Protein backbone atom coordinates (compact mmCIF):
# COMPACT_ATOMS: atom_id res chain seq x y z
CA UNK A 1 -9.71 -63.62 -5.05
CA UNK A 2 -12.20 -63.73 -7.65
CA UNK A 3 -12.38 -62.83 -11.36
CA UNK A 4 -14.65 -59.36 -11.24
CA UNK A 5 -17.07 -59.43 -13.89
CA UNK A 6 -19.32 -56.91 -15.97
CA UNK A 7 -22.53 -57.72 -17.52
CA UNK A 8 -23.60 -56.18 -19.90
CA UNK A 9 -27.46 -56.71 -21.21
CA UNK A 10 -30.26 -54.77 -23.44
CA UNK A 11 -33.56 -57.02 -22.20
CA UNK A 12 -34.59 -58.55 -19.21
CA UNK A 13 -31.95 -60.49 -18.20
CA UNK A 14 -32.71 -63.58 -17.50
CA UNK A 15 -29.84 -65.15 -17.91
CA UNK A 16 -27.99 -62.74 -15.75
CA UNK A 17 -30.34 -64.59 -13.57
CA UNK A 18 -29.27 -67.43 -14.04
CA UNK A 19 -25.37 -66.38 -13.22
CA UNK A 20 -26.14 -65.01 -10.09
CA UNK A 21 -28.32 -68.00 -8.77
CA UNK A 22 -25.08 -69.79 -9.97
CA UNK A 23 -22.44 -67.89 -8.37
CA UNK A 24 -24.44 -68.29 -5.19
CA UNK A 25 -24.95 -71.83 -5.46
CA UNK A 26 -21.09 -71.43 -5.38
CA UNK A 27 -20.22 -70.01 -2.40
CA UNK A 28 -17.09 -69.42 -2.03
CA UNK A 29 -16.03 -71.55 -4.41
CA UNK A 30 -17.13 -69.45 -7.39
CA UNK A 31 -14.50 -68.37 -9.52
CA UNK A 32 -16.56 -65.17 -10.62
CA UNK A 33 -18.35 -62.47 -8.62
CA UNK A 34 -20.74 -59.98 -11.65
CA UNK A 35 -19.61 -56.02 -10.05
CA UNK A 36 -22.07 -54.38 -12.20
CA UNK A 37 -24.38 -54.84 -14.90
CA UNK A 38 -24.39 -52.11 -18.05
CA UNK A 39 -26.97 -51.69 -20.19
CA UNK A 40 -27.99 -49.63 -23.20
CA UNK A 41 -31.06 -49.11 -22.32
CA UNK A 42 -32.92 -47.27 -18.97
CA UNK A 43 -35.60 -49.36 -18.87
CA UNK A 44 -33.93 -53.18 -19.24
CA UNK A 45 -34.71 -55.85 -16.94
CA UNK A 46 -31.70 -56.66 -16.09
CA UNK A 47 -31.29 -53.63 -14.27
CA UNK A 48 -33.32 -54.13 -12.29
CA UNK A 49 -32.37 -57.56 -11.49
CA UNK A 50 -28.89 -56.35 -10.97
CA UNK A 51 -30.65 -53.85 -8.45
CA UNK A 52 -32.93 -56.36 -6.40
CA UNK A 53 -29.17 -58.45 -5.97
CA UNK A 54 -27.69 -54.95 -4.68
CA UNK A 55 -25.23 -54.85 -7.22
CA UNK A 56 -24.54 -51.73 -9.46
CA UNK A 57 -26.74 -50.68 -12.17
CA UNK A 58 -25.45 -48.21 -14.38
CA UNK A 59 -26.85 -47.13 -18.50
CA UNK A 60 -24.23 -46.03 -21.16
CA UNK A 61 -24.58 -45.03 -24.35
CA UNK A 62 -23.22 -47.49 -26.81
CA UNK A 63 -22.92 -45.03 -29.48
CA UNK A 64 -18.93 -43.54 -27.24
CA UNK A 65 -16.48 -46.71 -26.92
CA UNK A 66 -15.40 -44.37 -23.87
CA UNK A 67 -18.90 -44.32 -22.39
CA UNK A 68 -18.36 -47.74 -21.73
CA UNK A 69 -15.02 -47.89 -21.10
CA UNK A 70 -14.87 -45.48 -18.66
CA UNK A 71 -17.47 -48.04 -16.63
CA UNK A 72 -15.18 -51.04 -17.13
CA UNK A 73 -11.82 -49.80 -15.84
CA UNK A 74 -13.65 -47.99 -13.58
CA UNK A 75 -15.08 -51.08 -11.94
CA UNK A 76 -11.63 -52.94 -12.52
CA UNK A 77 -13.10 -55.27 -14.55
CA UNK A 78 -11.65 -58.53 -15.70
CA UNK A 79 -14.18 -60.21 -17.41
CA UNK A 80 -16.95 -59.23 -20.04
CA UNK A 81 -20.34 -61.26 -20.42
CA UNK A 82 -22.32 -60.84 -22.51
CA UNK A 83 -26.11 -61.84 -21.37
CA UNK A 84 -28.93 -60.52 -24.51
CA UNK A 85 -26.61 -57.45 -24.85
CA UNK A 86 -27.67 -56.44 -28.89
CA UNK A 87 -25.50 -54.03 -30.32
CA UNK A 88 -21.33 -55.01 -30.90
CA UNK A 89 -18.98 -53.89 -28.63
CA UNK A 90 -16.88 -50.96 -29.31
CA UNK A 91 -13.00 -51.67 -30.70
CA UNK A 92 -11.05 -50.43 -28.40
CA UNK A 93 -13.32 -52.50 -26.11
CA UNK A 94 -12.81 -55.48 -27.53
CA UNK A 95 -8.52 -55.06 -28.45
CA UNK A 96 -8.64 -54.12 -24.33
CA UNK A 97 -10.36 -57.66 -23.40
CA UNK A 98 -8.89 -59.46 -25.75
CA UNK A 99 -10.07 -63.25 -24.86
CA UNK A 100 -12.27 -62.09 -21.19
CA UNK A 101 -15.90 -60.99 -23.63
CA UNK A 102 -18.18 -64.04 -23.82
CA UNK A 103 -21.30 -64.08 -25.24
CA UNK A 104 -24.23 -67.27 -25.78
CA UNK A 105 -25.75 -67.27 -28.53
CA UNK A 106 -29.28 -69.26 -28.82
CA UNK A 107 -28.20 -71.26 -32.22
CA UNK A 108 -26.03 -73.22 -33.92
CA UNK A 109 -22.88 -71.11 -35.30
CA UNK A 110 -21.96 -69.84 -37.46
CA UNK A 111 -25.19 -71.06 -39.98
CA UNK A 112 -26.95 -69.06 -37.83
CA UNK A 113 -25.30 -65.90 -36.89
CA UNK A 114 -24.33 -62.41 -37.79
CA UNK A 115 -26.20 -58.77 -37.71
CA UNK A 116 -29.80 -59.50 -37.25
CA UNK A 117 -29.66 -62.65 -36.03
CA UNK A 118 -30.96 -63.06 -32.23
CA UNK A 119 -34.07 -63.82 -30.03
CA UNK A 120 -37.00 -65.58 -32.31
CA UNK A 121 -35.44 -65.01 -35.41
CA UNK A 122 -32.94 -68.09 -34.62
CA UNK A 123 -35.51 -70.10 -33.91
CA UNK A 124 -37.72 -69.14 -36.48
CA UNK A 125 -34.21 -69.78 -39.41
CA UNK A 126 -33.57 -72.57 -38.07
CA UNK A 127 -37.76 -74.11 -38.38
CA UNK A 128 -37.18 -72.88 -41.45
CA UNK A 129 -33.85 -75.09 -42.42
CA UNK A 130 -35.59 -78.24 -41.31
CA UNK A 131 -32.95 -78.75 -39.13
CA UNK A 132 -33.63 -81.41 -36.22
CA UNK A 133 -31.26 -80.01 -33.73
CA UNK A 134 -30.31 -76.48 -32.80
CA UNK A 135 -27.57 -75.58 -29.97
CA UNK A 136 -26.84 -73.07 -27.37
CA UNK A 137 -23.36 -72.05 -28.78
CA UNK A 138 -21.37 -69.88 -26.06
CA UNK A 139 -18.69 -68.01 -27.47
CA UNK A 140 -15.41 -64.69 -27.52
CA UNK A 141 -17.19 -62.00 -28.55
CA UNK A 142 -14.87 -60.04 -31.98
CA UNK A 143 -15.74 -56.95 -33.66
CA UNK A 144 -18.41 -59.30 -35.51
CA UNK A 145 -22.11 -60.05 -34.77
CA UNK A 146 -21.48 -63.60 -33.36
CA UNK A 147 -17.67 -65.00 -34.85
CA UNK A 148 -15.53 -65.44 -31.58
CA UNK A 149 -14.06 -68.68 -31.32
CA UNK A 150 -16.70 -71.50 -29.73
CA UNK A 151 -16.16 -72.33 -26.17
CA UNK A 152 -18.96 -74.23 -25.65
CA UNK A 153 -21.80 -75.91 -28.22
CA UNK A 154 -24.54 -77.57 -26.58
CA UNK A 155 -27.45 -79.61 -28.99
CA UNK A 156 -31.05 -79.01 -28.34
CA UNK A 157 -33.95 -81.19 -29.83
CA UNK A 158 -35.92 -79.52 -32.95
CA UNK A 159 -39.29 -81.21 -32.12
CA UNK A 160 -42.03 -81.97 -34.57
CA UNK A 161 -44.08 -79.13 -35.23
CA UNK A 162 -42.20 -76.95 -32.84
CA UNK A 163 -42.82 -73.54 -33.14
CA UNK A 164 -40.46 -70.54 -33.03
CA UNK A 165 -41.37 -69.83 -29.43
CA UNK A 166 -41.55 -73.93 -28.10
CA UNK A 167 -38.09 -73.87 -29.14
CA UNK A 168 -36.78 -70.55 -28.38
CA UNK A 169 -38.06 -72.01 -24.29
CA UNK A 170 -35.82 -75.44 -24.79
CA UNK A 171 -33.13 -73.28 -25.64
CA UNK A 172 -33.22 -70.54 -23.01
CA UNK A 173 -33.62 -73.97 -20.06
CA UNK A 174 -30.14 -74.65 -21.46
CA UNK A 175 -28.61 -71.54 -21.65
CA UNK A 176 -29.75 -71.25 -18.31
CA UNK A 177 -27.57 -73.98 -17.58
CA UNK A 178 -24.51 -73.58 -19.83
CA UNK A 179 -23.63 -70.09 -19.73
CA UNK A 180 -22.85 -69.67 -15.93
CA UNK A 181 -21.04 -72.34 -16.13
CA UNK A 182 -18.60 -71.12 -19.15
CA UNK A 183 -18.53 -67.70 -17.20
CA UNK A 184 -17.31 -69.18 -14.43
CA UNK A 185 -14.45 -71.30 -16.23
CA UNK A 186 -13.63 -68.91 -17.79
CA UNK A 187 -13.31 -66.80 -14.52
CA UNK A 188 -11.37 -69.55 -13.04
CA UNK A 189 -7.98 -69.01 -16.18
CA UNK A 190 -8.46 -65.15 -15.81
CA UNK A 191 -7.84 -65.15 -12.33
CA UNK A 192 -4.83 -68.05 -12.85
CA UNK A 193 -3.69 -65.73 -15.72
CA UNK A 194 -3.39 -63.25 -13.08
CA UNK A 195 -1.60 -64.46 -10.33
CA UNK A 196 1.49 -65.78 -12.94
CA UNK A 197 1.80 -62.08 -14.16
């Protein structure tokens, strides 16, 4: 039995695609299965990717905790992955799914996280700080931006004369490798935990 996963996304959905591709490559060995993709933006490319994959794609009101909770409980969700979702997850959802909501961040945490620190802003800040190394960080989600316990951190070198876009492209390639694997590993623990209840 596979862990039922919801993916929340606000953008184009390249991390969602990486998750779907990884699970497809694993086949029956995958511990998780994406059963719904939900977005706070009707125009999000992630919804199109979900539809192409035959996965239910839904839009919800990010201001309504009940709206999101209805989707999650209605699909018997056990694990939530944030793939470019740019809003805070409501407190009731955090409480209900404690330890079962995971996010990927395109930089080292906690130094380059928090409100407003997403996308190219992270890479600009890393370069402005003069770091020789950035990172991809996969972490559990709390009521604060980028504040949850880190599950995995992978270093990404900063090259001489790097630009934010060049660094972003290298970081994203690592996200596409690391994030799906951590999700599947977390899905395995959810299955094991549920089987002992």
